[in-house]
Amino acid sequence: MAEAQLPAEVQAAAKREGFSGSEYNAVAMGARLDTIKLLDLRLETRPEIAEDDGTELAFERHVKSCRHDQETGTAAAIFQFGVSVRNAAGEAFGCRAEYVVLYAMPEDAKPEAATSFCKHVGSFAAYPYFRALAAQMAWNAGVDLPPLPAIAAMPGLPKPPAADAVDDDDKAIRKAPRSGRIKSK
């Protein structure tokens, strides 16, 4: 992949953090996904308000932290994901989780390229686990939650923040109106 073919957010990170497209691609070709683990889960259900009309879904994703350890040859990031169902009476369902994603990196990986790769690709690696978890928790709570879309299918959902925004508590949320009711079992 030529440097011009890198995704725009990776190109911006490369320019800001001082690595080249070829250094990023070398990391991408040599990195190996090692671990995806659930670190934290928060679940809130209030079925008494789930029958109200006018509900909306809110999604969030956030890079909490990301580090490259040249000594161990790894890069790890913690990602936060969330989904909630709200209406005028409050939040009927909320599922928020944190996952750690660990990659084994090539020995010659430039640290900035390894960190950028972990932030950008790790989110896509962990999100399917969150989608499955949220669906299972909603089913257990008796909430009719539609399947969560893939990250690429959510045009309004923000991208992972830039490196200088990592660890910032700002969470961007995409809200989508929802027709119909949320049904309790």
C-alpha atoms as a PDB file:
ATOM      1  CA  MET A   1       0.000   0.000   0.000  1.00  0.00           C
ATOM      2  CA  ALA A   2       1.555   3.294  -1.039  1.00  0.00           C
ATOM      3  CA  GLU A   3       1.703   6.119   1.428  1.00  0.00           C
ATOM      4  CA  ALA A   4      -1.063   7.961  -0.430  1.00  0.00           C
ATOM      5  CA  GLN A   5      -3.305   4.895  -0.013  1.00  0.00           C
ATOM      6  CA  LEU A   6      -3.256   4.999   3.798  1.00  0.00           C
ATOM      7  CA  PRO A   7      -6.569   5.935   5.406  1.00  0.00           C
ATOM      8  CA  ALA A   8      -6.869   9.674   6.068  1.00  0.00           C
ATOM      9  CA  GLU A   9      -6.731   9.287   9.855  1.00  0.00           C
ATOM     10  CA  VAL A  10      -3.516   7.229   9.589  1.00  0.00           C
ATOM     11  CA  GLN A  11      -2.006   9.796   7.211  1.00  0.00           C
ATOM     12  CA  ALA A  12      -2.819  12.545   9.719  1.00  0.00           C
ATOM     13  CA  ALA A  13      -1.304  10.517  12.576  1.00  0.00           C
ATOM     14  CA  ALA A  14       1.814   9.809  10.493  1.00  0.00           C
ATOM     15  CA  LYS A  15       2.340  13.486   9.815  1.00  0.00           C
ATOM     16  CA  ARG A  16       1.658  14.484  13.440  1.00  0.00           C
ATOM     17  CA  GLU A  17       3.657  11.680  15.083  1.00  0.00           C
ATOM     18  CA  GLY A  18       6.568  11.455  12.662  1.00  0.00           C
ATOM     19  CA  PHE A  19       6.402   8.067  10.950  1.00  0.00           C
ATOM     20  CA  SER A  20       6.128   7.190   7.311  1.00  0.00           C
ATOM     21  CA  GLY A  21       3.529   5.181   5.465  1.00  0.00           C
ATOM     22  CA  SER A  22       6.105   2.489   4.756  1.00  0.00           C
ATOM     23  CA  GLU A  23       6.940   2.247   8.491  1.00  0.00           C
ATOM     24  CA  TYR A  24       3.223   1.909   9.286  1.00  0.00           C
ATOM     25  CA  ASN A  25       2.765  -0.715   6.570  1.00  0.00           C
ATOM     26  CA  ALA A  26       5.756  -2.682   7.890  1.00  0.00           C
ATOM     27  CA  VAL A  27       4.059  -2.782  11.297  1.00  0.00           C
ATOM     28  CA  ALA A  28       0.733  -3.758   9.711  1.00  0.00           C
ATOM     29  CA  MET A  29       2.359  -6.622   7.802  1.00  0.00           C
ATOM     30  CA  GLY A  30       4.309  -7.940  10.802  1.00  0.00           C
ATOM     31  CA  ALA A  31       1.974  -7.330  13.753  1.00  0.00           C
ATOM     32  CA  ARG A  32       0.211 -10.315  15.295  1.00  0.00           C
ATOM     33  CA  LEU A  33      -2.939 -10.042  17.387  1.00  0.00           C
ATOM     34  CA  ASP A  34      -2.134 -11.665  20.701  1.00  0.00           C
ATOM     35  CA  THR A  35      -4.963 -10.894  23.147  1.00  0.00           C
ATOM     36  CA  ILE A  36      -8.405  -9.346  23.414  1.00  0.00           C
ATOM     37  CA  LYS A  37      -9.705  -9.292  26.999  1.00  0.00           C
ATOM     38  CA  LEU A  38     -12.695  -7.757  28.703  1.00  0.00           C
ATOM     39  CA  LEU A  39     -11.483  -5.504  31.534  1.00  0.00           C
ATOM     40  CA  ASP A  40     -14.637  -3.826  32.773  1.00  0.00           C
ATOM     41  CA  LEU A  41     -18.377  -4.141  32.228  1.00  0.00           C
ATOM     42  CA  ARG A  42     -21.105  -1.778  33.396  1.00  0.00           C
ATOM     43  CA  LEU A  43     -24.722  -2.668  32.796  1.00  0.00           C
ATOM     44  CA  GLU A  44     -27.774  -0.618  33.689  1.00  0.00           C
ATOM     45  CA  THR A  45     -31.336  -1.664  33.022  1.00  0.00           C
ATOM     46  CA  ARG A  46     -34.557   0.044  33.950  1.00  0.00           C
ATOM     47  CA  PRO A  47     -37.277  -2.005  32.260  1.00  0.00           C
ATOM     48  CA  GLU A  48     -40.026   0.147  33.794  1.00  0.00           C
ATOM     49  CA  ILE A  49     -39.178   2.952  31.347  1.00  0.00           C
ATOM     50  CA  ALA A  50     -38.441   0.718  28.386  1.00  0.00           C
ATOM     51  CA  GLU A  51     -42.015   0.801  27.102  1.00  0.00           C
ATOM     52  CA  ASP A  52     -42.071   4.567  26.512  1.00  0.00           C
ATOM     53  CA  ASP A  53     -42.148   5.954  22.972  1.00  0.00           C
ATOM     54  CA  GLY A  54     -39.531   8.273  21.542  1.00  0.00           C
ATOM     55  CA  THR A  55     -36.469   6.173  22.279  1.00  0.00           C
ATOM     56  CA  GLU A  56     -33.078   6.766  20.760  1.00  0.00           C
ATOM     57  CA  LEU A  57     -29.871   4.786  20.590  1.00  0.00           C
ATOM     58  CA  ALA A  58     -26.529   6.303  21.498  1.00  0.00           C
ATOM     59  CA  PHE A  59     -23.207   4.651  20.652  1.00  0.00           C
ATOM     60  CA  GLU A  60     -19.733   5.523  21.807  1.00  0.00           C
ATOM     61  CA  ARG A  61     -16.195   4.329  21.315  1.00  0.00           C
ATOM     62  CA  HIS A  62     -13.093   5.796  22.831  1.00  0.00           C
ATOM     63  CA  VAL A  63      -9.391   4.981  23.024  1.00  0.00           C
ATOM     64  CA  LYS A  64      -8.640   5.198  26.726  1.00  0.00           C
ATOM     65  CA  SER A  65      -4.904   4.583  26.413  1.00  0.00           C
ATOM     66  CA  CYS A  66      -2.338   3.076  24.074  1.00  0.00           C
ATOM     67  CA  ARG A  67       1.283   2.135  24.717  1.00  0.00           C
ATOM     68  CA  HIS A  68       4.148   0.500  22.849  1.00  0.00           C
ATOM     69  CA  ASP A  69       6.765  -1.409  24.849  1.00  0.00           C
ATOM     70  CA  GLN A  70       9.867  -1.839  22.742  1.00  0.00           C
ATOM     71  CA  GLU A  71      11.451  -4.107  25.363  1.00  0.00           C
ATOM     72  CA  THR A  72       8.682  -6.724  25.127  1.00  0.00           C
ATOM     73  CA  GLY A  73       7.887  -6.004  21.477  1.00  0.00           C
ATOM     74  CA  THR A  74       4.210  -5.358  22.174  1.00  0.00           C
ATOM     75  CA  ALA A  75       1.648  -2.621  21.759  1.00  0.00           C
ATOM     76  CA  ALA A  76      -1.523  -2.526  23.838  1.00  0.00           C
ATOM     77  CA  ALA A  77      -4.576  -0.282  23.882  1.00  0.00           C
ATOM     78  CA  ILE A  78      -7.641  -0.032  26.079  1.00  0.00           C
ATOM     79  CA  PHE A  79     -10.857   0.707  24.237  1.00  0.00           C
ATOM     80  CA  GLN A  80     -14.173   1.784  25.739  1.00  0.00           C
ATOM     81  CA  PHE A  81     -17.395   0.993  23.911  1.00  0.00           C
ATOM     82  CA  GLY A  82     -20.943   1.798  24.897  1.00  0.00           C
ATOM     83  CA  VAL A  83     -24.521   1.642  23.779  1.00  0.00           C
ATOM     84  CA  SER A  84     -27.547   3.075  25.514  1.00  0.00           C
ATOM     85  CA  VAL A  85     -31.258   3.305  24.906  1.00  0.00           C
ATOM     86  CA  ARG A  86     -32.794   6.529  26.203  1.00  0.00           C
ATOM     87  CA  ASN A  87     -36.090   8.320  26.161  1.00  0.00           C
ATOM     88  CA  ALA A  88     -37.607  11.302  27.982  1.00  0.00           C
ATOM     89  CA  ALA A  89     -37.879   9.260  31.206  1.00  0.00           C
ATOM     90  CA  GLY A  90     -34.180   8.332  31.230  1.00  0.00           C
ATOM     91  CA  GLU A  91     -31.899   5.502  30.263  1.00  0.00           C
ATOM     92  CA  ALA A  92     -33.717   2.189  29.856  1.00  0.00           C
ATOM     93  CA  PHE A  93     -30.605   0.201  28.987  1.00  0.00           C
ATOM     94  CA  GLY A  94     -26.904   0.938  29.052  1.00  0.00           C
ATOM     95  CA  CYS A  95     -23.998  -1.380  28.371  1.00  0.00           C
ATOM     96  CA  ARG A  96     -20.438  -0.070  28.587  1.00  0.00           C
ATOM     97  CA  ALA A  97     -17.303  -2.164  28.407  1.00  0.00           C
ATOM     98  CA  GLU A  98     -13.547  -1.793  28.259  1.00  0.00           C
ATOM     99  CA  TYR A  99     -11.331  -4.181  26.346  1.00  0.00           C
ATOM    100  CA  VAL A 100      -7.571  -4.456  26.183  1.00  0.00           C
ATOM    101  CA  VAL A 101      -6.090  -5.410  22.827  1.00  0.00           C
ATOM    102  CA  LEU A 102      -2.470  -6.596  22.707  1.00  0.00           C
ATOM    103  CA  TYR A 103      -0.357  -6.991  19.574  1.00  0.00           C
ATOM    104  CA  ALA A 104       3.062  -8.592  19.194  1.00  0.00           C
ATOM    105  CA  MET A 105       5.072  -6.175  17.067  1.00  0.00           C
ATOM    106  CA  PRO A 106       7.938  -6.736  14.639  1.00  0.00           C
ATOM    107  CA  GLU A 107      11.345  -6.205  16.269  1.00  0.00           C
ATOM    108  CA  ASP A 108      12.174  -3.235  14.072  1.00  0.00           C
ATOM    109  CA  ALA A 109       8.797  -1.495  14.528  1.00  0.00           C
ATOM    110  CA  LYS A 110       9.001   2.258  14.924  1.00  0.00           C
ATOM    111  CA  PRO A 111       7.222   2.979  18.256  1.00  0.00           C
ATOM    112  CA  GLU A 112       5.003   5.734  16.816  1.00  0.00           C
ATOM    113  CA  ALA A 113       3.883   3.513  13.942  1.00  0.00           C
ATOM    114  CA  ALA A 114       3.225   0.590  16.329  1.00  0.00           C
ATOM    115  CA  THR A 115       1.120   2.764  18.637  1.00  0.00           C
ATOM    116  CA  SER A 116      -0.841   4.236  15.743  1.00  0.00           C
ATOM    117  CA  PHE A 117      -1.491   0.774  14.300  1.00  0.00           C
ATOM    118  CA  CYS A 118      -2.706  -0.530  17.671  1.00  0.00           C
ATOM    119  CA  LYS A 119      -5.088   2.429  18.128  1.00  0.00           C
ATOM    120  CA  HIS A 120      -6.534   2.255  14.638  1.00  0.00           C
ATOM    121  CA  VAL A 121      -6.763  -1.497  14.084  1.00  0.00           C
ATOM    122  CA  GLY A 122      -7.335  -2.606  17.690  1.00  0.00           C
ATOM    123  CA  SER A 123     -10.686  -0.839  17.827  1.00  0.00           C
ATOM    124  CA  PHE A 124     -11.915  -2.912  14.887  1.00  0.00           C
ATOM    125  CA  ALA A 125     -10.582  -6.090  16.536  1.00  0.00           C
ATOM    126  CA  ALA A 126     -12.374  -5.538  19.872  1.00  0.00           C
ATOM    127  CA  TYR A 127     -15.678  -4.090  18.637  1.00  0.00           C
ATOM    128  CA  PRO A 128     -17.243  -7.403  17.499  1.00  0.00           C
ATOM    129  CA  TYR A 129     -16.751  -8.716  21.036  1.00  0.00           C
ATOM    130  CA  PHE A 130     -18.611  -5.697  22.390  1.00  0.00           C
ATOM    131  CA  ARG A 131     -21.413  -6.100  19.841  1.00  0.00           C
ATOM    132  CA  ALA A 132     -21.937  -9.703  20.944  1.00  0.00           C
ATOM    133  CA  LEU A 133     -21.748  -8.767  24.632  1.00  0.00           C
ATOM    134  CA  ALA A 134     -24.261  -5.911  24.279  1.00  0.00           C
ATOM    135  CA  ALA A 135     -26.683  -8.134  22.350  1.00  0.00           C
ATOM    136  CA  GLN A 136     -26.478 -10.863  24.993  1.00  0.00           C
ATOM    137  CA  MET A 137     -26.949  -8.406  27.876  1.00  0.00           C
ATOM    138  CA  ALA A 138     -29.923  -6.754  26.155  1.00  0.00           C
ATOM    139  CA  TRP A 139     -31.515 -10.151  25.567  1.00  0.00           C
ATOM    140  CA  ASN A 140     -30.949 -11.104  29.215  1.00  0.00           C
ATOM    141  CA  ALA A 141     -32.548  -7.822  30.295  1.00  0.00           C
ATOM    142  CA  GLY A 142     -35.528  -8.333  28.010  1.00  0.00           C
ATOM    143  CA  VAL A 143     -34.691  -5.290  25.893  1.00  0.00           C
ATOM    144  CA  ASP A 144     -35.266  -5.498  22.142  1.00  0.00           C
ATOM    145  CA  LEU A 145     -31.986  -3.994  20.978  1.00  0.00           C
ATOM    146  CA  PRO A 146     -31.390  -4.002  17.218  1.00  0.00           C
ATOM    147  CA  PRO A 147     -28.080  -5.434  16.030  1.00  0.00           C
ATOM    148  CA  LEU A 148     -25.346  -2.864  16.470  1.00  0.00           C
ATOM    149  CA  PRO A 149     -23.855  -1.750  13.167  1.00  0.00           C
ATOM    150  CA  ALA A 150     -20.250  -2.286  12.182  1.00  0.00           C
ATOM    151  CA  ILE A 151     -17.976   0.666  12.927  1.00  0.00           C
ATOM    152  CA  ALA A 152     -17.509   1.355   9.217  1.00  0.00           C
ATOM    153  CA  ALA A 153     -21.303   1.482   8.783  1.00  0.00           C
ATOM    154  CA  MET A 154     -21.708   4.262  11.346  1.00  0.00           C
ATOM    155  CA  PRO A 155     -20.861   7.419   9.421  1.00  0.00           C
ATOM    156  CA  GLY A 156     -21.593   9.718  12.355  1.00  0.00           C
ATOM    157  CA  LEU A 157     -19.666   7.697  14.920  1.00  0.00           C
ATOM    158  CA  PRO A 158     -16.402   9.424  15.672  1.00  0.00           C
ATOM    159  CA  LYS A 159     -13.072   7.890  14.812  1.00  0.00           C
ATOM    160  CA  PRO A 160     -10.653   7.087  17.634  1.00  0.00           C
ATOM    161  CA  PRO A 161      -9.222  10.364  18.928  1.00  0.00           C
ATOM    162  CA  ALA A 162      -5.838  11.673  17.899  1.00  0.00           C
ATOM    163  CA  ALA A 163      -2.845  10.708  20.011  1.00  0.00           C
ATOM    164  CA  ASP A 164      -2.902  14.001  21.883  1.00  0.00           C
ATOM    165  CA  ALA A 165      -6.545  13.392  22.814  1.00  0.00           C
ATOM    166  CA  VAL A 166      -5.984   9.902  24.241  1.00  0.00           C
ATOM    167  CA  ASP A 167      -6.803   9.723  27.958  1.00  0.00           C
ATOM    168  CA  ASP A 168      -9.124  12.704  27.553  1.00  0.00           C
ATOM    169  CA  ASP A 169     -12.552  12.167  29.124  1.00  0.00           C
ATOM    170  CA  ASP A 170     -14.377  13.651  26.149  1.00  0.00           C
ATOM    171  CA  LYS A 171     -16.596  11.005  24.608  1.00  0.00           C
ATOM    172  CA  ALA A 172     -18.297  11.693  21.340  1.00  0.00           C
ATOM    173  CA  ILE A 173     -21.710  10.125  21.001  1.00  0.00           C
ATOM    174  CA  ARG A 174     -23.706   9.445  17.898  1.00  0.00           C
ATOM    175  CA  LYS A 175     -27.439   9.496  18.436  1.00  0.00           C
ATOM    176  CA  ALA A 176     -29.799   7.864  16.026  1.00  0.00           C
ATOM    177  CA  PRO A 177     -33.577   8.177  16.336  1.00  0.00           C
ATOM    178  CA  ARG A 178     -35.305   4.898  16.885  1.00  0.00           C
ATOM    179  CA  SER A 179     -38.792   4.109  15.715  1.00  0.00           C
ATOM    180  CA  GLY A 180     -41.137   1.910  17.669  1.00  0.00           C
ATOM    181  CA  ARG A 181     -40.873   0.728  21.225  1.00  0.00           C
ATOM    182  CA  ILE A 182     -38.327  -1.157  23.213  1.00  0.00           C
ATOM    183  CA  LYS A 183     -40.099  -4.220  24.406  1.00  0.00           C
ATOM    184  CA  SER A 184     -39.582  -5.910  27.736  1.00  0.00           C
ATOM    185  CA  LYS A 185     -40.057  -9.642  27.861  1.00  0.00           C
END
